[in-house]
C-alpha atoms as a PDB file:
ATOM      1  CA  MET A   1     133.598 133.068  85.673  1.00  0.00           C
ATOM      2  CA  ARG A   2     130.584 133.372  87.970  1.00  0.00           C
ATOM      3  CA  TRP A   3     128.634 130.267  88.988  1.00  0.00           C
ATOM      4  CA  ALA A   4     124.872 130.256  89.420  1.00  0.00           C
ATOM      5  CA  SER A   5     123.312 129.074  92.655  1.00  0.00           C
ATOM      6  CA  PRO A   6     121.417 125.730  92.744  1.00  0.00           C
ATOM      7  CA  ARG A   7     118.152 127.683  93.069  1.00  0.00           C
ATOM      8  CA  THR A   8     118.958 129.423  89.764  1.00  0.00           C
ATOM      9  CA  TRP A   9     119.712 126.091  88.084  1.00  0.00           C
ATOM     10  CA  MET A  10     116.387 124.749  89.257  1.00  0.00           C
ATOM     11  CA  ARG A  11     114.478 127.688  87.792  1.00  0.00           C
ATOM     12  CA  ALA A  12     116.457 127.525  84.569  1.00  0.00           C
ATOM     13  CA  SER A  13     115.970 123.778  84.053  1.00  0.00           C
ATOM     14  CA  ALA A  14     114.156 122.754  80.899  1.00  0.00           C
ATOM     15  CA  VAL A  15     110.716 121.301  81.517  1.00  0.00           C
ATOM     16  CA  SER A  16     109.252 119.143  78.779  1.00  0.00           C
ATOM     17  CA  ASP A  17     106.103 117.104  78.193  1.00  0.00           C
ATOM     18  CA  LEU A  18     104.033 119.327  80.480  1.00  0.00           C
ATOM     19  CA  LEU A  19     100.543 117.868  80.967  1.00  0.00           C
ATOM     20  CA  GLY A  20      97.924 118.889  83.488  1.00  0.00           C
ATOM     21  CA  HIS A  21      94.230 118.973  84.262  1.00  0.00           C
ATOM     22  CA  PHE A  22      92.845 121.517  86.698  1.00  0.00           C
ATOM     23  CA  HIS A  23      89.706 123.295  87.864  1.00  0.00           C
ATOM     24  CA  LEU A  24      89.759 127.034  88.562  1.00  0.00           C
ATOM     25  CA  GLN A  25      87.308 128.297  91.146  1.00  0.00           C
ATOM     26  CA  HIS A  26      87.509 131.339  93.436  1.00  0.00           C
ATOM     27  CA  ASP A  27      91.195 132.070  92.639  1.00  0.00           C
ATOM     28  CA  LEU A  28      92.206 128.473  93.403  1.00  0.00           C
ATOM     29  CA  ALA A  29      93.566 126.177  90.696  1.00  0.00           C
ATOM     30  CA  ALA A  30      93.052 122.578  91.813  1.00  0.00           C
ATOM     31  CA  PHE A  31      95.211 120.186  89.778  1.00  0.00           C
ATOM     32  CA  GLU A  32      93.899 116.641  89.449  1.00  0.00           C
ATOM     33  CA  GLN A  33      97.148 115.768  87.753  1.00  0.00           C
ATOM     34  CA  LEU A  34     100.256 117.673  86.750  1.00  0.00           C
ATOM     35  CA  HIS A  35     103.001 115.765  84.958  1.00  0.00           C
ATOM     36  CA  PHE A  36     106.254 117.043  83.493  1.00  0.00           C
ATOM     37  CA  SER A  37     109.763 115.855  82.704  1.00  0.00           C
ATOM     38  CA  VAL A  38     113.191 117.269  83.447  1.00  0.00           C
ATOM     39  CA  ALA A  39     116.553 115.750  82.536  1.00  0.00           C
ATOM     40  CA  GLY A  40     116.656 112.246  84.031  1.00  0.00           C
ATOM     41  CA  ALA A  41     113.329 112.418  85.865  1.00  0.00           C
ATOM     42  CA  GLU A  42     109.563 112.680  85.607  1.00  0.00           C
ATOM     43  CA  VAL A  43     107.370 114.467  88.155  1.00  0.00           C
ATOM     44  CA  ARG A  44     103.742 113.472  88.818  1.00  0.00           C
ATOM     45  CA  LEU A  45     101.800 115.737  91.167  1.00  0.00           C
ATOM     46  CA  LYS A  46      98.335 116.539  92.531  1.00  0.00           C
ATOM     47  CA  GLY A  47      97.499 119.645  94.485  1.00  0.00           C
ATOM     48  CA  GLN A  48      96.543 123.259  94.332  1.00  0.00           C
ATOM     49  CA  TYR A  49      97.863 126.709  93.499  1.00  0.00           C
ATOM     50  CA  GLU A  50      96.274 129.791  95.044  1.00  0.00           C
ATOM     51  CA  LEU A  51      96.485 132.621  92.538  1.00  0.00           C
ATOM     52  CA  PRO A  52      96.429 135.809  94.689  1.00  0.00           C
ATOM     53  CA  SER A  53      99.033 134.593  97.199  1.00  0.00           C
ATOM     54  CA  GLU A  54     100.879 132.358  94.673  1.00  0.00           C
ATOM     55  CA  THR A  55     100.852 129.583  97.305  1.00  0.00           C
ATOM     56  CA  LEU A  56     101.790 126.024  96.300  1.00  0.00           C
ATOM     57  CA  ASP A  57     100.498 122.819  97.884  1.00  0.00           C
ATOM     58  CA  PHE A  58     101.425 119.763  95.811  1.00  0.00           C
ATOM     59  CA  GLN A  59     102.188 116.155  96.585  1.00  0.00           C
ATOM     60  CA  GLY A  60     103.261 113.343  94.293  1.00  0.00           C
ATOM     61  CA  ASP A  61     106.183 111.332  92.984  1.00  0.00           C
ATOM     62  CA  LEU A  62     109.601 112.066  91.554  1.00  0.00           C
ATOM     63  CA  ARG A  63     110.417 109.181  89.187  1.00  0.00           C
ATOM     64  CA  MET A  64     114.157 109.163  88.526  1.00  0.00           C
ATOM     65  CA  GLN A  65     116.109 107.086  86.025  1.00  0.00           C
ATOM     66  CA  ALA A  66     118.908 106.751  88.598  1.00  0.00           C
ATOM     67  CA  LYS A  67     118.854 104.736  91.797  1.00  0.00           C
ATOM     68  CA  LEU A  68     118.981 106.776  95.003  1.00  0.00           C
ATOM     69  CA  SER A  69     122.508 105.554  95.691  1.00  0.00           C
ATOM     70  CA  GLN A  70     123.600 106.941  92.309  1.00  0.00           C
ATOM     71  CA  THR A  71     122.524 110.493  93.185  1.00  0.00           C
ATOM     72  CA  VAL A  72     125.266 111.007  95.804  1.00  0.00           C
ATOM     73  CA  SER A  73     128.818 109.829  96.391  1.00  0.00           C
ATOM     74  CA  GLY A  74     130.971 108.533  99.228  1.00  0.00           C
ATOM     75  CA  LYS A  75     129.505 107.151 102.446  1.00  0.00           C
ATOM     76  CA  LYS A  76     126.022 108.428 101.616  1.00  0.00           C
ATOM     77  CA  SER A  77     126.007 106.328  98.458  1.00  0.00           C
ATOM     78  CA  PHE A  78     126.969 103.218 100.417  1.00  0.00           C
ATOM     79  CA  PHE A  79     124.122 103.636 102.915  1.00  0.00           C
ATOM     80  CA  LEU A  80     121.556 104.542 100.251  1.00  0.00           C
ATOM     81  CA  LYS A  81     122.263 101.243  98.485  1.00  0.00           C
ATOM     82  CA  LEU A  82     120.357  99.657 101.371  1.00  0.00           C
ATOM     83  CA  ALA A  83     117.318 101.827 100.555  1.00  0.00           C
ATOM     84  CA  ASP A  84     117.421 101.358  96.760  1.00  0.00           C
ATOM     85  CA  PRO A  85     115.068  98.315  96.697  1.00  0.00           C
ATOM     86  CA  PHE A  86     112.380 100.221  98.644  1.00  0.00           C
ATOM     87  CA  PHE A  87     112.257 103.045  96.073  1.00  0.00           C
ATOM     88  CA  LYS A  88     112.435 100.960  92.885  1.00  0.00           C
ATOM     89  CA  LYS A  89     109.036 100.739  91.139  1.00  0.00           C
ATOM     90  CA  ASP A  90     107.566 100.233  87.692  1.00  0.00           C
ATOM     91  CA  GLY A  91     110.894 100.147  85.862  1.00  0.00           C
ATOM     92  CA  ALA A  92     112.129 103.450  87.302  1.00  0.00           C
ATOM     93  CA  GLY A  93     115.504 103.647  89.026  1.00  0.00           C
ATOM     94  CA  SER A  94     113.819 105.341  91.998  1.00  0.00           C
ATOM     95  CA  VAL A  95     110.354 106.630  92.830  1.00  0.00           C
ATOM     96  CA  VAL A  96     110.447 109.130  95.673  1.00  0.00           C
ATOM     97  CA  PRO A  97     107.308 110.648  97.261  1.00  0.00           C
ATOM     98  CA  ILE A  98     107.660 114.439  97.353  1.00  0.00           C
ATOM     99  CA  ARG A  99     105.789 117.483  98.609  1.00  0.00           C
ATOM    100  CA  ILE A 100     106.081 121.026  97.253  1.00  0.00           C
ATOM    101  CA  THR A 101     104.780 123.901  99.373  1.00  0.00           C
ATOM    102  CA  GLY A 102     105.623 127.570  99.860  1.00  0.00           C
ATOM    103  CA  THR A 103     105.179 130.235  97.228  1.00  0.00           C
ATOM    104  CA  ARG A 104     106.043 130.531  93.565  1.00  0.00           C
ATOM    105  CA  ASP A 105     109.073 132.692  94.427  1.00  0.00           C
ATOM    106  CA  ASP A 106     110.132 130.588  97.427  1.00  0.00           C
ATOM    107  CA  PRO A 107     109.111 126.938  96.900  1.00  0.00           C
ATOM    108  CA  LYS A 108     109.865 124.331  99.574  1.00  0.00           C
ATOM    109  CA  PHE A 109     110.713 120.795  98.453  1.00  0.00           C
ATOM    110  CA  ALA A 110     110.503 117.871 100.880  1.00  0.00           C
ATOM    111  CA  LEU A 111     110.207 114.102 101.056  1.00  0.00           C
ATOM    112  CA  ALA A 112     106.644 113.026 101.721  1.00  0.00           C
ATOM    113  CA  LEU A 113     107.375 109.694 103.394  1.00  0.00           C
ATOM    114  CA  PHE A 114     105.072 110.436 106.323  1.00  0.00           C
ATOM    115  CA  GLY A 115     103.225 113.497 104.955  1.00  0.00           C
ATOM    116  CA  LYS A 116      99.564 114.302 105.297  1.00  0.00           C
ATOM    117  CA  LYS A 117      97.189 112.813 102.775  1.00  0.00           C
ATOM    118  CA  GLN A 118      96.134 114.770  99.718  1.00  0.00           C
ATOM    119  CA  LYS A 119      93.018 116.904 100.148  1.00  0.00           C
END
């Protein structure tokens, strides 16, 4: 049996409840809001997608049902229990600020704790 890489899982994940509003001008799609759900989480983003270069520049929140400490095991879980209260908001287990950059074929995912403000 051959196992797929995590990158393949991510691309194959089922997205549901996709909702977005955008303006298209000069090959640039500017998203005022882009919301979608995946198993156990909801993603809320703002940003832009440049069509010719397929460049991504999004920032927003990952709203998970689980607490941060529940997403890992062992020592990491123990230390993340200290951070759980800081990421709990509006009934979600965790709300984590994220940033997505890169290209459509090679996206980069990062925490946006100290990121630049949205344009």
